[in-house]
Amino acid sequence: MDRKTLLVGLGALLLILLVAGAVVLFAKPASFLGTTYGEPYPVASEIELSRSDGSNFRLSEMRGDIVLLFFGYTSCPDVCPTTLAELKLALAELKEAEVARVKVVFVTVDPVRDTPERVQEYVDHFNTAFIGLSGPQAELVKIWQAYGVYSESVPGESAASYIVNHTARTTLIDPQGNMRISFSYDTPVDTIVHDLKLMLKNQPDRQ
């Protein structure tokens, strides 16, 4: 190999190394795809309701885990089953150890029909690890207001067949109890998976 060829080769190698270094140095860090809350992140309001087994659920006791919070009702014809099915699919894309660090919580907007038992039975159809909650109207109203959840009953053909128009978004609460990301209805599953993995990557394992 002559000197000229050697110098050209070394020059090309140096150029490749410089380009690679620049890409690493100036590459933008991965960012969330869902709608993010600005800093300082709002602290998720406490949710304290009864589980189907009679025990008390407290959102604050979920600290250390990611919580995906959704408000809906068991008689919902479309939005709620679609959302729960998509959350089930999203968790299926995670590793077992990652799934253990994510909790899905479903709170009713229809306490007249939705008992704690009925809500839990409903979410069990999607994933038995999902948590379904209900409670007294007065307590739920406070929770809905704290999370900016709108709900309105629309009369149906009979008194029992009404539907409930309600806010349809899923809120991701980080392990520190802060509201970090909002996913609108029909957000692609891949988007939810991406943000869950990124959040899990940036958080230490729960001790």
N, C-alpha and C. Protein backbone atom coordinates (compact mmCIF):
# COMPACT_ATOMS: atom_id res chain seq x y z
N MET A 1 0.86 -1.21 0.00
CA MET A 1 0.00 0.00 0.00
C MET A 1 0.89 1.24 0.00
N ASP A 2 0.68 2.17 -0.95
CA ASP A 2 1.52 3.35 -1.00
C ASP A 2 1.07 4.39 0.02
N ARG A 3 1.91 5.38 0.20
CA ARG A 3 1.66 6.40 1.22
C ARG A 3 0.37 7.18 0.96
N LYS A 4 0.12 7.49 -0.33
CA LYS A 4 -1.07 8.28 -0.69
C LYS A 4 -2.34 7.52 -0.33
N THR A 5 -2.38 6.22 -0.66
CA THR A 5 -3.56 5.40 -0.35
C THR A 5 -3.77 5.32 1.15
N LEU A 6 -2.69 5.17 1.91
CA LEU A 6 -2.78 5.08 3.36
C LEU A 6 -3.35 6.36 3.96
N LEU A 7 -2.87 7.52 3.45
CA LEU A 7 -3.35 8.80 3.96
C LEU A 7 -4.83 9.00 3.66
N VAL A 8 -5.24 8.60 2.45
CA VAL A 8 -6.66 8.72 2.09
C VAL A 8 -7.51 7.86 3.00
N GLY A 9 -7.04 6.65 3.25
CA GLY A 9 -7.79 5.74 4.11
C GLY A 9 -7.91 6.27 5.53
N LEU A 10 -6.79 6.81 6.05
CA LEU A 10 -6.82 7.37 7.41
C LEU A 10 -7.73 8.60 7.47
N GLY A 11 -7.68 9.40 6.39
CA GLY A 11 -8.54 10.57 6.36
C GLY A 11 -10.00 10.21 6.36
N ALA A 12 -10.37 9.19 5.58
CA ALA A 12 -11.76 8.74 5.53
C ALA A 12 -12.21 8.20 6.88
N LEU A 13 -11.33 7.45 7.53
CA LEU A 13 -11.66 6.90 8.86
C LEU A 13 -11.86 8.02 9.86
N LEU A 14 -10.99 9.03 9.80
CA LEU A 14 -11.12 10.16 10.72
C LEU A 14 -12.43 10.90 10.50
N LEU A 15 -12.80 11.06 9.22
CA LEU A 15 -14.05 11.75 8.90
C LEU A 15 -15.24 10.99 9.45
N ILE A 16 -15.23 9.67 9.29
CA ILE A 16 -16.31 8.83 9.81
C ILE A 16 -16.42 8.97 11.32
N LEU A 17 -15.29 8.96 12.01
CA LEU A 17 -15.28 9.09 13.47
C LEU A 17 -15.81 10.46 13.90
N LEU A 18 -15.44 11.49 13.15
CA LEU A 18 -15.91 12.84 13.49
C LEU A 18 -17.42 12.95 13.31
N VAL A 19 -17.93 12.40 12.21
CA VAL A 19 -19.38 12.43 11.96
C VAL A 19 -20.12 11.65 13.03
N ALA A 20 -19.63 10.47 13.37
CA ALA A 20 -20.27 9.66 14.41
C ALA A 20 -20.27 10.37 15.75
N GLY A 21 -19.15 11.03 16.06
CA GLY A 21 -19.07 11.77 17.32
C GLY A 21 -20.05 12.93 17.36
N ALA A 22 -20.20 13.61 16.23
CA ALA A 22 -21.14 14.74 16.16
C ALA A 22 -22.57 14.27 16.34
N VAL A 23 -22.88 13.13 15.73
CA VAL A 23 -24.24 12.60 15.86
C VAL A 23 -24.55 12.30 17.32
N VAL A 24 -23.59 11.68 18.01
CA VAL A 24 -23.79 11.34 19.42
C VAL A 24 -23.88 12.60 20.27
N LEU A 25 -23.02 13.58 19.97
CA LEU A 25 -22.95 14.80 20.78
C LEU A 25 -24.18 15.68 20.63
N PHE A 26 -24.65 15.80 19.37
CA PHE A 26 -25.73 16.75 19.11
C PHE A 26 -27.10 16.10 18.94
N ALA A 27 -27.18 14.79 19.06
CA ALA A 27 -28.46 14.11 18.91
C ALA A 27 -29.42 14.55 20.03
N LYS A 28 -30.66 14.78 19.67
CA LYS A 28 -31.66 15.17 20.65
C LYS A 28 -32.05 13.96 21.49
N PRO A 29 -32.21 14.16 22.81
CA PRO A 29 -32.63 13.04 23.64
C PRO A 29 -34.04 12.60 23.26
N ALA A 30 -34.35 11.34 23.49
CA ALA A 30 -35.68 10.83 23.17
C ALA A 30 -36.73 11.61 23.95
N SER A 31 -37.84 11.88 23.31
CA SER A 31 -38.90 12.65 23.97
C SER A 31 -40.22 11.89 23.90
N PHE A 32 -41.13 12.26 24.79
CA PHE A 32 -42.43 11.61 24.85
C PHE A 32 -43.28 12.04 23.65
N LEU A 33 -44.14 11.13 23.23
CA LEU A 33 -45.00 11.39 22.06
C LEU A 33 -46.39 11.86 22.47
N GLY A 34 -46.82 11.50 23.67
CA GLY A 34 -48.12 11.97 24.16
C GLY A 34 -48.04 13.44 24.55
N THR A 35 -49.17 14.00 24.94
CA THR A 35 -49.22 15.40 25.37
C THR A 35 -48.64 15.52 26.77
N THR A 36 -47.55 16.25 26.92
CA THR A 36 -46.87 16.32 28.20
C THR A 36 -47.31 17.52 29.03
N TYR A 37 -47.26 17.36 30.34
CA TYR A 37 -47.52 18.46 31.26
C TYR A 37 -46.22 19.25 31.44
N GLY A 38 -46.35 20.55 31.62
CA GLY A 38 -45.18 21.37 31.82
C GLY A 38 -44.69 21.34 33.26
N GLU A 39 -43.44 21.71 33.43
CA GLU A 39 -42.86 21.79 34.77
C GLU A 39 -43.25 23.11 35.43
N PRO A 40 -43.43 23.15 36.73
CA PRO A 40 -43.39 21.99 37.64
C PRO A 40 -44.59 21.08 37.39
N TYR A 41 -44.34 19.77 37.36
CA TYR A 41 -45.40 18.83 37.06
C TYR A 41 -46.48 18.86 38.14
N PRO A 42 -47.75 18.88 37.74
CA PRO A 42 -48.83 18.87 38.75
C PRO A 42 -48.87 17.55 39.49
N VAL A 43 -49.04 17.63 40.78
CA VAL A 43 -49.14 16.43 41.60
C VAL A 43 -50.54 15.84 41.43
N ALA A 44 -50.61 14.55 41.20
CA ALA A 44 -51.90 13.88 41.03
C ALA A 44 -52.67 13.92 42.35
N SER A 45 -53.91 14.38 42.29
CA SER A 45 -54.73 14.45 43.50
C SER A 45 -55.00 13.06 44.05
N GLU A 46 -55.14 12.98 45.33
CA GLU A 46 -55.42 11.70 45.97
C GLU A 46 -56.75 11.12 45.49
N ILE A 47 -56.75 9.84 45.30
CA ILE A 47 -57.98 9.09 45.00
C ILE A 47 -58.10 8.02 46.08
N GLU A 48 -59.17 8.07 46.83
CA GLU A 48 -59.40 7.08 47.88
C GLU A 48 -60.82 6.54 47.72
N LEU A 49 -60.90 5.30 47.26
CA LEU A 49 -62.18 4.67 46.99
C LEU A 49 -62.13 3.21 47.41
N SER A 50 -63.30 2.57 47.41
CA SER A 50 -63.38 1.17 47.82
C SER A 50 -63.14 0.24 46.65
N ARG A 51 -62.36 -0.81 46.90
CA ARG A 51 -62.18 -1.87 45.92
C ARG A 51 -63.35 -2.85 46.02
N SER A 52 -63.41 -3.74 45.06
CA SER A 52 -64.51 -4.72 45.04
C SER A 52 -64.46 -5.67 46.23
N ASP A 53 -63.26 -5.88 46.81
CA ASP A 53 -63.14 -6.79 47.95
C ASP A 53 -63.36 -6.09 49.29
N GLY A 54 -63.73 -4.80 49.25
CA GLY A 54 -63.99 -4.05 50.46
C GLY A 54 -62.81 -3.29 51.01
N SER A 55 -61.63 -3.54 50.48
CA SER A 55 -60.44 -2.82 50.95
C SER A 55 -60.39 -1.43 50.33
N ASN A 56 -59.60 -0.57 50.94
CA ASN A 56 -59.49 0.80 50.45
C ASN A 56 -58.35 0.93 49.44
N PHE A 57 -58.61 1.66 48.40
CA PHE A 57 -57.58 1.99 47.41
C PHE A 57 -57.16 3.43 47.63
N ARG A 58 -55.86 3.66 47.67
CA ARG A 58 -55.31 5.02 47.74
C ARG A 58 -54.28 5.18 46.64
N LEU A 59 -54.48 6.17 45.82
CA LEU A 59 -53.55 6.42 44.72
C LEU A 59 -52.14 6.65 45.24
N SER A 60 -52.02 7.31 46.36
CA SER A 60 -50.70 7.61 46.92
C SER A 60 -49.92 6.35 47.25
N GLU A 61 -50.61 5.24 47.45
CA GLU A 61 -49.93 3.99 47.75
C GLU A 61 -49.34 3.34 46.48
N MET A 62 -49.62 3.94 45.34
CA MET A 62 -49.05 3.45 44.08
C MET A 62 -47.71 4.09 43.78
N ARG A 63 -47.23 4.96 44.68
CA ARG A 63 -45.94 5.62 44.47
C ARG A 63 -44.86 4.55 44.24
N GLY A 64 -44.00 4.82 43.29
CA GLY A 64 -42.98 3.85 42.91
C GLY A 64 -43.33 3.13 41.63
N ASP A 65 -44.60 3.20 41.24
CA ASP A 65 -45.08 2.59 40.00
C ASP A 65 -45.65 3.66 39.08
N ILE A 66 -45.72 3.37 37.81
CA ILE A 66 -46.43 4.23 36.86
C ILE A 66 -47.91 3.87 36.91
N VAL A 67 -48.76 4.87 36.90
CA VAL A 67 -50.21 4.65 36.89
C VAL A 67 -50.80 5.22 35.61
N LEU A 68 -51.60 4.42 34.93
CA LEU A 68 -52.38 4.89 33.79
C LEU A 68 -53.82 5.03 34.28
N LEU A 69 -54.28 6.25 34.38
CA LEU A 69 -55.59 6.55 34.98
C LEU A 69 -56.60 6.92 33.90
N PHE A 70 -57.75 6.24 33.94
CA PHE A 70 -58.81 6.52 32.96
C PHE A 70 -60.15 6.57 33.68
N PHE A 71 -61.00 7.49 33.24
CA PHE A 71 -62.35 7.63 33.80
C PHE A 71 -63.36 7.18 32.75
N GLY A 72 -64.26 6.27 33.12
CA GLY A 72 -65.25 5.76 32.19
C GLY A 72 -66.38 5.06 32.92
N TYR A 73 -67.10 4.20 32.22
CA TYR A 73 -68.19 3.47 32.88
C TYR A 73 -68.45 2.16 32.15
N THR A 74 -69.03 1.22 32.87
CA THR A 74 -69.15 -0.14 32.35
C THR A 74 -70.17 -0.30 31.23
N SER A 75 -71.11 0.64 31.12
CA SER A 75 -72.11 0.55 30.06
C SER A 75 -71.70 1.34 28.82
N CYS A 76 -70.50 1.82 28.81
CA CYS A 76 -69.98 2.62 27.69
C CYS A 76 -69.96 1.77 26.42
N PRO A 77 -70.52 2.27 25.33
CA PRO A 77 -70.62 1.46 24.12
C PRO A 77 -69.35 1.41 23.26
N ASP A 78 -68.45 2.37 23.45
CA ASP A 78 -67.31 2.41 22.51
C ASP A 78 -66.00 2.89 23.12
N VAL A 79 -65.97 4.09 23.63
CA VAL A 79 -64.71 4.70 24.08
C VAL A 79 -64.02 3.88 25.16
N CYS A 80 -64.76 3.48 26.18
CA CYS A 80 -64.15 2.77 27.32
C CYS A 80 -63.60 1.39 26.94
N PRO A 81 -64.39 0.54 26.28
CA PRO A 81 -63.82 -0.76 25.91
C PRO A 81 -62.65 -0.64 24.94
N THR A 82 -62.72 0.36 24.04
CA THR A 82 -61.61 0.56 23.11
C THR A 82 -60.34 0.95 23.85
N THR A 83 -60.48 1.89 24.78
CA THR A 83 -59.32 2.36 25.55
C THR A 83 -58.72 1.24 26.38
N LEU A 84 -59.54 0.48 27.07
CA LEU A 84 -59.03 -0.61 27.90
C LEU A 84 -58.37 -1.68 27.04
N ALA A 85 -58.94 -1.95 25.89
CA ALA A 85 -58.33 -2.94 24.98
C ALA A 85 -56.96 -2.45 24.50
N GLU A 86 -56.84 -1.15 24.23
CA GLU A 86 -55.57 -0.61 23.78
C GLU A 86 -54.53 -0.61 24.90
N LEU A 87 -54.96 -0.36 26.12
CA LEU A 87 -54.03 -0.41 27.24
C LEU A 87 -53.56 -1.86 27.47
N LYS A 88 -54.45 -2.79 27.28
CA LYS A 88 -54.07 -4.20 27.37
C LYS A 88 -53.00 -4.53 26.33
N LEU A 89 -53.20 -4.07 25.11
CA LEU A 89 -52.23 -4.31 24.04
C LEU A 89 -50.89 -3.64 24.35
N ALA A 90 -50.95 -2.44 24.92
CA ALA A 90 -49.72 -1.72 25.24
C ALA A 90 -48.90 -2.48 26.27
N LEU A 91 -49.55 -2.99 27.30
CA LEU A 91 -48.83 -3.73 28.34
C LEU A 91 -48.24 -5.02 27.79
N ALA A 92 -48.92 -5.59 26.80
CA ALA A 92 -48.43 -6.84 26.20
C ALA A 92 -47.11 -6.63 25.46
N GLU A 93 -46.78 -5.38 25.14
CA GLU A 93 -45.54 -5.07 24.44
C GLU A 93 -44.37 -4.85 25.40
N LEU A 94 -44.64 -4.87 26.70
CA LEU A 94 -43.60 -4.65 27.69
C LEU A 94 -43.06 -5.97 28.22
N LYS A 95 -41.86 -5.92 28.76
CA LYS A 95 -41.30 -7.09 29.41
C LYS A 95 -42.03 -7.33 30.73
N GLU A 96 -41.96 -8.55 31.23
CA GLU A 96 -42.68 -8.91 32.45
C GLU A 96 -42.30 -8.00 33.61
N ALA A 97 -41.01 -7.71 33.76
CA ALA A 97 -40.56 -6.85 34.84
C ALA A 97 -41.08 -5.43 34.68
N GLU A 98 -41.26 -4.98 33.44
CA GLU A 98 -41.79 -3.65 33.19
C GLU A 98 -43.28 -3.59 33.50
N VAL A 99 -44.01 -4.62 33.11
CA VAL A 99 -45.45 -4.67 33.37
C VAL A 99 -45.73 -4.58 34.86
N ALA A 100 -44.88 -5.19 35.66
CA ALA A 100 -45.07 -5.18 37.12
C ALA A 100 -44.98 -3.77 37.70
N ARG A 101 -44.42 -2.84 36.93
CA ARG A 101 -44.23 -1.47 37.41
C ARG A 101 -45.27 -0.50 36.83
N VAL A 102 -46.28 -1.04 36.17
CA VAL A 102 -47.35 -0.22 35.58
C VAL A 102 -48.70 -0.68 36.11
N LYS A 103 -49.49 0.26 36.63
CA LYS A 103 -50.81 -0.04 37.15
C LYS A 103 -51.86 0.72 36.33
N VAL A 104 -52.89 0.01 35.90
CA VAL A 104 -54.00 0.65 35.18
C VAL A 104 -55.16 0.80 36.15
N VAL A 105 -55.64 2.03 36.31
CA VAL A 105 -56.73 2.33 37.24
C VAL A 105 -57.90 2.94 36.47
N PHE A 106 -59.06 2.33 36.62
CA PHE A 106 -60.28 2.75 35.93
C PHE A 106 -61.29 3.23 36.98
N VAL A 107 -61.66 4.50 36.91
CA VAL A 107 -62.60 5.10 37.86
C VAL A 107 -63.90 5.41 37.14
N THR A 108 -65.02 5.00 37.72
CA THR A 108 -66.30 5.19 37.05
C THR A 108 -66.78 6.64 37.05
N VAL A 109 -67.56 6.98 36.03
CA VAL A 109 -68.27 8.27 35.98
C VAL A 109 -69.77 8.01 36.07
N ASP A 110 -70.11 6.78 36.46
CA ASP A 110 -71.52 6.37 36.51
C ASP A 110 -71.78 5.55 37.79
N PRO A 111 -71.67 6.20 38.96
CA PRO A 111 -71.81 5.46 40.21
C PRO A 111 -73.22 4.91 40.46
N VAL A 112 -74.21 5.42 39.75
CA VAL A 112 -75.58 4.91 39.95
C VAL A 112 -75.66 3.44 39.54
N ARG A 113 -75.03 3.09 38.43
CA ARG A 113 -75.06 1.71 37.95
C ARG A 113 -73.80 0.92 38.32
N ASP A 114 -72.70 1.64 38.48
CA ASP A 114 -71.41 0.96 38.67
C ASP A 114 -71.04 0.82 40.14
N THR A 115 -71.24 -0.35 40.68
CA THR A 115 -70.74 -0.67 42.02
C THR A 115 -69.26 -1.04 41.89
N PRO A 116 -68.53 -1.06 42.99
CA PRO A 116 -67.13 -1.49 42.91
C PRO A 116 -67.00 -2.89 42.32
N GLU A 117 -67.93 -3.77 42.66
CA GLU A 117 -67.88 -5.14 42.14
C GLU A 117 -68.10 -5.17 40.64
N ARG A 118 -69.04 -4.38 40.17
CA ARG A 118 -69.34 -4.36 38.74
C ARG A 118 -68.17 -3.78 37.93
N VAL A 119 -67.55 -2.73 38.46
CA VAL A 119 -66.43 -2.12 37.76
C VAL A 119 -65.25 -3.08 37.68
N GLN A 120 -64.96 -3.75 38.78
CA GLN A 120 -63.84 -4.68 38.77
C GLN A 120 -64.10 -5.86 37.84
N GLU A 121 -65.32 -6.35 37.85
CA GLU A 121 -65.66 -7.44 36.93
C GLU A 121 -65.50 -7.00 35.48
N TYR A 122 -65.84 -5.76 35.21
CA TYR A 122 -65.74 -5.21 33.86
C TYR A 122 -64.28 -5.15 33.40
N VAL A 123 -63.41 -4.56 34.23
CA VAL A 123 -62.01 -4.42 33.81
C VAL A 123 -61.29 -5.77 33.78
N ASP A 124 -61.78 -6.72 34.57
CA ASP A 124 -61.19 -8.06 34.56
C ASP A 124 -61.29 -8.72 33.19
N HIS A 125 -62.28 -8.32 32.41
CA HIS A 125 -62.44 -8.89 31.06
C HIS A 125 -61.26 -8.51 30.16
N PHE A 126 -60.59 -7.42 30.51
CA PHE A 126 -59.46 -6.97 29.71
C PHE A 126 -58.13 -7.44 30.31
N ASN A 127 -58.02 -7.30 31.62
CA ASN A 127 -56.80 -7.72 32.31
C ASN A 127 -57.12 -7.79 33.80
N THR A 128 -56.89 -8.93 34.40
CA THR A 128 -57.24 -9.10 35.81
C THR A 128 -56.37 -8.27 36.75
N ALA A 129 -55.30 -7.69 36.22
CA ALA A 129 -54.46 -6.82 37.04
C ALA A 129 -54.96 -5.38 37.04
N PHE A 130 -55.88 -5.05 36.13
CA PHE A 130 -56.45 -3.71 36.12
C PHE A 130 -57.27 -3.49 37.39
N ILE A 131 -57.29 -2.24 37.85
CA ILE A 131 -58.01 -1.89 39.08
C ILE A 131 -59.24 -1.07 38.73
N GLY A 132 -60.42 -1.57 39.12
CA GLY A 132 -61.67 -0.86 38.87
C GLY A 132 -62.22 -0.28 40.15
N LEU A 133 -62.64 0.98 40.11
CA LEU A 133 -63.07 1.67 41.33
C LEU A 133 -64.38 2.42 41.15
N SER A 134 -65.15 2.45 42.23
CA SER A 134 -66.37 3.25 42.29
C SER A 134 -66.51 3.74 43.72
N GLY A 135 -67.58 4.46 43.97
CA GLY A 135 -67.80 4.98 45.30
C GLY A 135 -69.01 5.90 45.33
N PRO A 136 -69.22 6.58 46.45
CA PRO A 136 -70.35 7.50 46.56
C PRO A 136 -70.23 8.66 45.56
N GLN A 137 -71.36 9.11 45.08
CA GLN A 137 -71.39 10.21 44.12
C GLN A 137 -70.61 11.42 44.63
N ALA A 138 -70.81 11.78 45.89
CA ALA A 138 -70.17 12.98 46.44
C ALA A 138 -68.65 12.87 46.40
N GLU A 139 -68.12 11.69 46.69
CA GLU A 139 -66.67 11.50 46.66
C GLU A 139 -66.15 11.52 45.22
N LEU A 140 -66.89 10.90 44.34
CA LEU A 140 -66.45 10.85 42.94
C LEU A 140 -66.46 12.23 42.30
N VAL A 141 -67.44 13.03 42.63
CA VAL A 141 -67.50 14.39 42.06
C VAL A 141 -66.23 15.16 42.40
N LYS A 142 -65.75 15.02 43.62
CA LYS A 142 -64.52 15.71 44.03
C LYS A 142 -63.34 15.23 43.19
N ILE A 143 -63.29 13.94 42.93
CA ILE A 143 -62.20 13.36 42.15
C ILE A 143 -62.28 13.82 40.70
N TRP A 144 -63.51 13.78 40.14
CA TRP A 144 -63.68 14.24 38.75
C TRP A 144 -63.21 15.69 38.60
N GLN A 145 -63.61 16.53 39.57
CA GLN A 145 -63.23 17.94 39.49
C GLN A 145 -61.73 18.12 39.61
N ALA A 146 -61.10 17.34 40.47
CA ALA A 146 -59.65 17.45 40.67
C ALA A 146 -58.88 17.11 39.40
N TYR A 147 -59.44 16.21 38.59
CA TYR A 147 -58.77 15.78 37.36
C TYR A 147 -59.36 16.42 36.11
N GLY A 148 -60.27 17.38 36.29
CA GLY A 148 -60.84 18.06 35.13
C GLY A 148 -61.68 17.16 34.26
N VAL A 149 -62.36 16.19 34.88
CA VAL A 149 -63.16 15.23 34.12
C VAL A 149 -64.59 15.74 33.99
N TYR A 150 -65.04 15.81 32.76
CA TYR A 150 -66.42 16.22 32.45
C TYR A 150 -67.28 14.97 32.28
N SER A 151 -68.49 15.00 32.82
CA SER A 151 -69.42 13.90 32.59
C SER A 151 -70.85 14.44 32.59
N GLU A 152 -71.65 13.89 31.68
CA GLU A 152 -73.04 14.32 31.56
C GLU A 152 -73.89 13.15 31.11
N SER A 153 -74.94 12.85 31.86
CA SER A 153 -75.85 11.76 31.51
C SER A 153 -76.82 12.22 30.43
N VAL A 154 -76.99 11.37 29.43
CA VAL A 154 -77.92 11.66 28.33
C VAL A 154 -79.02 10.61 28.35
N PRO A 155 -80.28 11.04 28.49
CA PRO A 155 -81.39 10.07 28.59
C PRO A 155 -81.45 9.12 27.39
N GLY A 156 -81.81 7.87 27.69
CA GLY A 156 -81.99 6.88 26.64
C GLY A 156 -83.46 6.53 26.48
N GLU A 157 -83.74 5.38 25.90
CA GLU A 157 -85.12 4.97 25.69
C GLU A 157 -85.82 4.60 26.99
N SER A 158 -85.03 4.26 28.01
CA SER A 158 -85.59 3.96 29.33
C SER A 158 -84.72 4.62 30.37
N ALA A 159 -85.20 4.63 31.60
CA ALA A 159 -84.46 5.29 32.68
C ALA A 159 -83.10 4.65 32.91
N ALA A 160 -82.99 3.36 32.63
CA ALA A 160 -81.74 2.64 32.91
C ALA A 160 -80.81 2.57 31.71
N SER A 161 -81.25 3.09 30.57
CA SER A 161 -80.46 2.94 29.35
C SER A 161 -79.73 4.22 28.94
N TYR A 162 -79.60 5.15 29.87
CA TYR A 162 -78.91 6.40 29.55
C TYR A 162 -77.44 6.15 29.25
N ILE A 163 -76.85 7.07 28.51
CA ILE A 163 -75.42 7.02 28.26
C ILE A 163 -74.76 8.20 28.98
N VAL A 164 -73.46 8.13 29.14
CA VAL A 164 -72.74 9.20 29.83
C VAL A 164 -71.65 9.74 28.91
N ASN A 165 -71.81 10.99 28.53
CA ASN A 165 -70.74 11.65 27.79
C ASN A 165 -69.66 12.06 28.79
N HIS A 166 -68.42 11.75 28.50
CA HIS A 166 -67.38 12.03 29.49
C HIS A 166 -66.03 12.29 28.83
N THR A 167 -65.15 12.89 29.58
CA THR A 167 -63.78 13.11 29.13
C THR A 167 -63.13 11.77 28.82
N ALA A 168 -62.49 11.69 27.67
CA ALA A 168 -61.90 10.41 27.24
C ALA A 168 -60.41 10.57 27.03
N ARG A 169 -59.68 10.58 28.11
CA ARG A 169 -58.23 10.63 28.02
C ARG A 169 -57.63 9.77 29.11
N THR A 170 -56.44 9.29 28.86
CA THR A 170 -55.71 8.50 29.84
C THR A 170 -54.55 9.33 30.35
N THR A 171 -54.42 9.41 31.66
CA THR A 171 -53.35 10.20 32.27
C THR A 171 -52.27 9.28 32.81
N LEU A 172 -51.04 9.55 32.42
CA LEU A 172 -49.90 8.81 32.96
C LEU A 172 -49.34 9.57 34.15
N ILE A 173 -49.33 8.90 35.29
CA ILE A 173 -48.80 9.45 36.53
C ILE A 173 -47.47 8.76 36.82
N ASP A 174 -46.43 9.53 37.03
CA ASP A 174 -45.11 8.93 37.20
C ASP A 174 -44.94 8.34 38.61
N PRO A 175 -43.85 7.61 38.85
CA PRO A 175 -43.66 6.97 40.15
C PRO A 175 -43.57 7.93 41.33
N GLN A 176 -43.33 9.21 41.04
CA GLN A 176 -43.29 10.21 42.11
C GLN A 176 -44.66 10.81 42.40
N GLY A 177 -45.67 10.37 41.65
CA GLY A 177 -47.02 10.86 41.87
C GLY A 177 -47.36 12.12 41.11
N ASN A 178 -46.58 12.41 40.05
CA ASN A 178 -46.83 13.60 39.23
C ASN A 178 -47.54 13.24 37.93
N MET A 179 -48.42 14.11 37.49
CA MET A 179 -49.09 13.94 36.20
C MET A 179 -48.11 14.37 35.11
N ARG A 180 -47.76 13.42 34.22
CA ARG A 180 -46.72 13.69 33.25
C ARG A 180 -47.18 13.72 31.80
N ILE A 181 -48.10 12.81 31.44
CA ILE A 181 -48.51 12.69 30.04
C ILE A 181 -50.01 12.44 29.96
N SER A 182 -50.64 13.00 28.95
CA SER A 182 -52.05 12.77 28.68
C SER A 182 -52.19 12.15 27.29
N PHE A 183 -52.89 11.04 27.21
CA PHE A 183 -53.15 10.38 25.94
C PHE A 183 -54.62 10.58 25.56
N SER A 184 -54.86 11.20 24.44
CA SER A 184 -56.24 11.40 24.00
C SER A 184 -56.83 10.08 23.53
N TYR A 185 -58.12 10.07 23.37
CA TYR A 185 -58.80 8.85 22.90
C TYR A 185 -58.26 8.44 21.53
N ASP A 186 -58.08 7.14 21.38
CA ASP A 186 -57.61 6.56 20.12
C ASP A 186 -56.14 6.88 19.82
N THR A 187 -55.37 7.21 20.85
CA THR A 187 -53.93 7.34 20.67
C THR A 187 -53.37 6.00 20.21
N PRO A 188 -52.51 5.97 19.21
CA PRO A 188 -51.94 4.70 18.77
C PRO A 188 -51.26 3.94 19.91
N VAL A 189 -51.43 2.64 19.92
CA VAL A 189 -50.82 1.81 20.95
C VAL A 189 -49.31 1.99 20.97
N ASP A 190 -48.71 2.11 19.79
CA ASP A 190 -47.26 2.28 19.71
C ASP A 190 -46.79 3.53 20.45
N THR A 191 -47.61 4.57 20.42
CA THR A 191 -47.26 5.80 21.13
C THR A 191 -47.25 5.57 22.63
N ILE A 192 -48.26 4.88 23.13
CA ILE A 192 -48.33 4.58 24.57
C ILE A 192 -47.16 3.70 24.98
N VAL A 193 -46.85 2.69 24.17
CA VAL A 193 -45.73 1.80 24.47
C VAL A 193 -44.42 2.59 24.51
N HIS A 194 -44.21 3.44 23.53
CA HIS A 194 -43.00 4.26 23.47
C HIS A 194 -42.82 5.08 24.74
N ASP A 195 -43.90 5.76 25.17
CA ASP A 195 -43.80 6.63 26.33
C ASP A 195 -43.65 5.84 27.63
N LEU A 196 -44.29 4.69 27.71
CA LEU A 196 -44.12 3.84 28.90
C LEU A 196 -42.68 3.38 29.02
N LYS A 197 -42.12 2.91 27.92
CA LYS A 197 -40.73 2.41 27.95
C LYS A 197 -39.76 3.53 28.29
N LEU A 198 -40.00 4.72 27.74
CA LEU A 198 -39.12 5.84 28.02
C LEU A 198 -39.23 6.26 29.49
N MET A 199 -40.44 6.27 30.02
CA MET A 199 -40.63 6.62 31.42
C MET A 199 -39.98 5.58 32.33
N LEU A 200 -40.15 4.31 32.00
CA LEU A 200 -39.55 3.24 32.80
C LEU A 200 -38.03 3.31 32.75
N LYS A 201 -37.50 3.65 31.60
CA LYS A 201 -36.05 3.74 31.43
C LYS A 201 -35.47 4.85 32.29
N ASN A 202 -36.23 5.93 32.46
CA ASN A 202 -35.76 7.10 33.19
C ASN A 202 -36.03 7.01 34.68
N GLN A 203 -36.66 5.92 35.12
CA GLN A 203 -37.01 5.79 36.53
C GLN A 203 -36.25 4.63 37.15
N PRO A 204 -35.77 4.79 38.39
CA PRO A 204 -35.10 3.66 39.05
C PRO A 204 -36.11 2.58 39.41
N ASP A 205 -35.63 1.35 39.49
CA ASP A 205 -36.50 0.24 39.89
C ASP A 205 -37.06 0.51 41.28
N ARG A 206 -38.30 0.07 41.47
CA ARG A 206 -38.92 0.22 42.79
C ARG A 206 -38.24 -0.70 43.77
N GLN A 207 -37.87 -0.13 44.92
CA GLN A 207 -37.20 -0.93 45.94
C GLN A 207 -38.21 -1.67 46.81
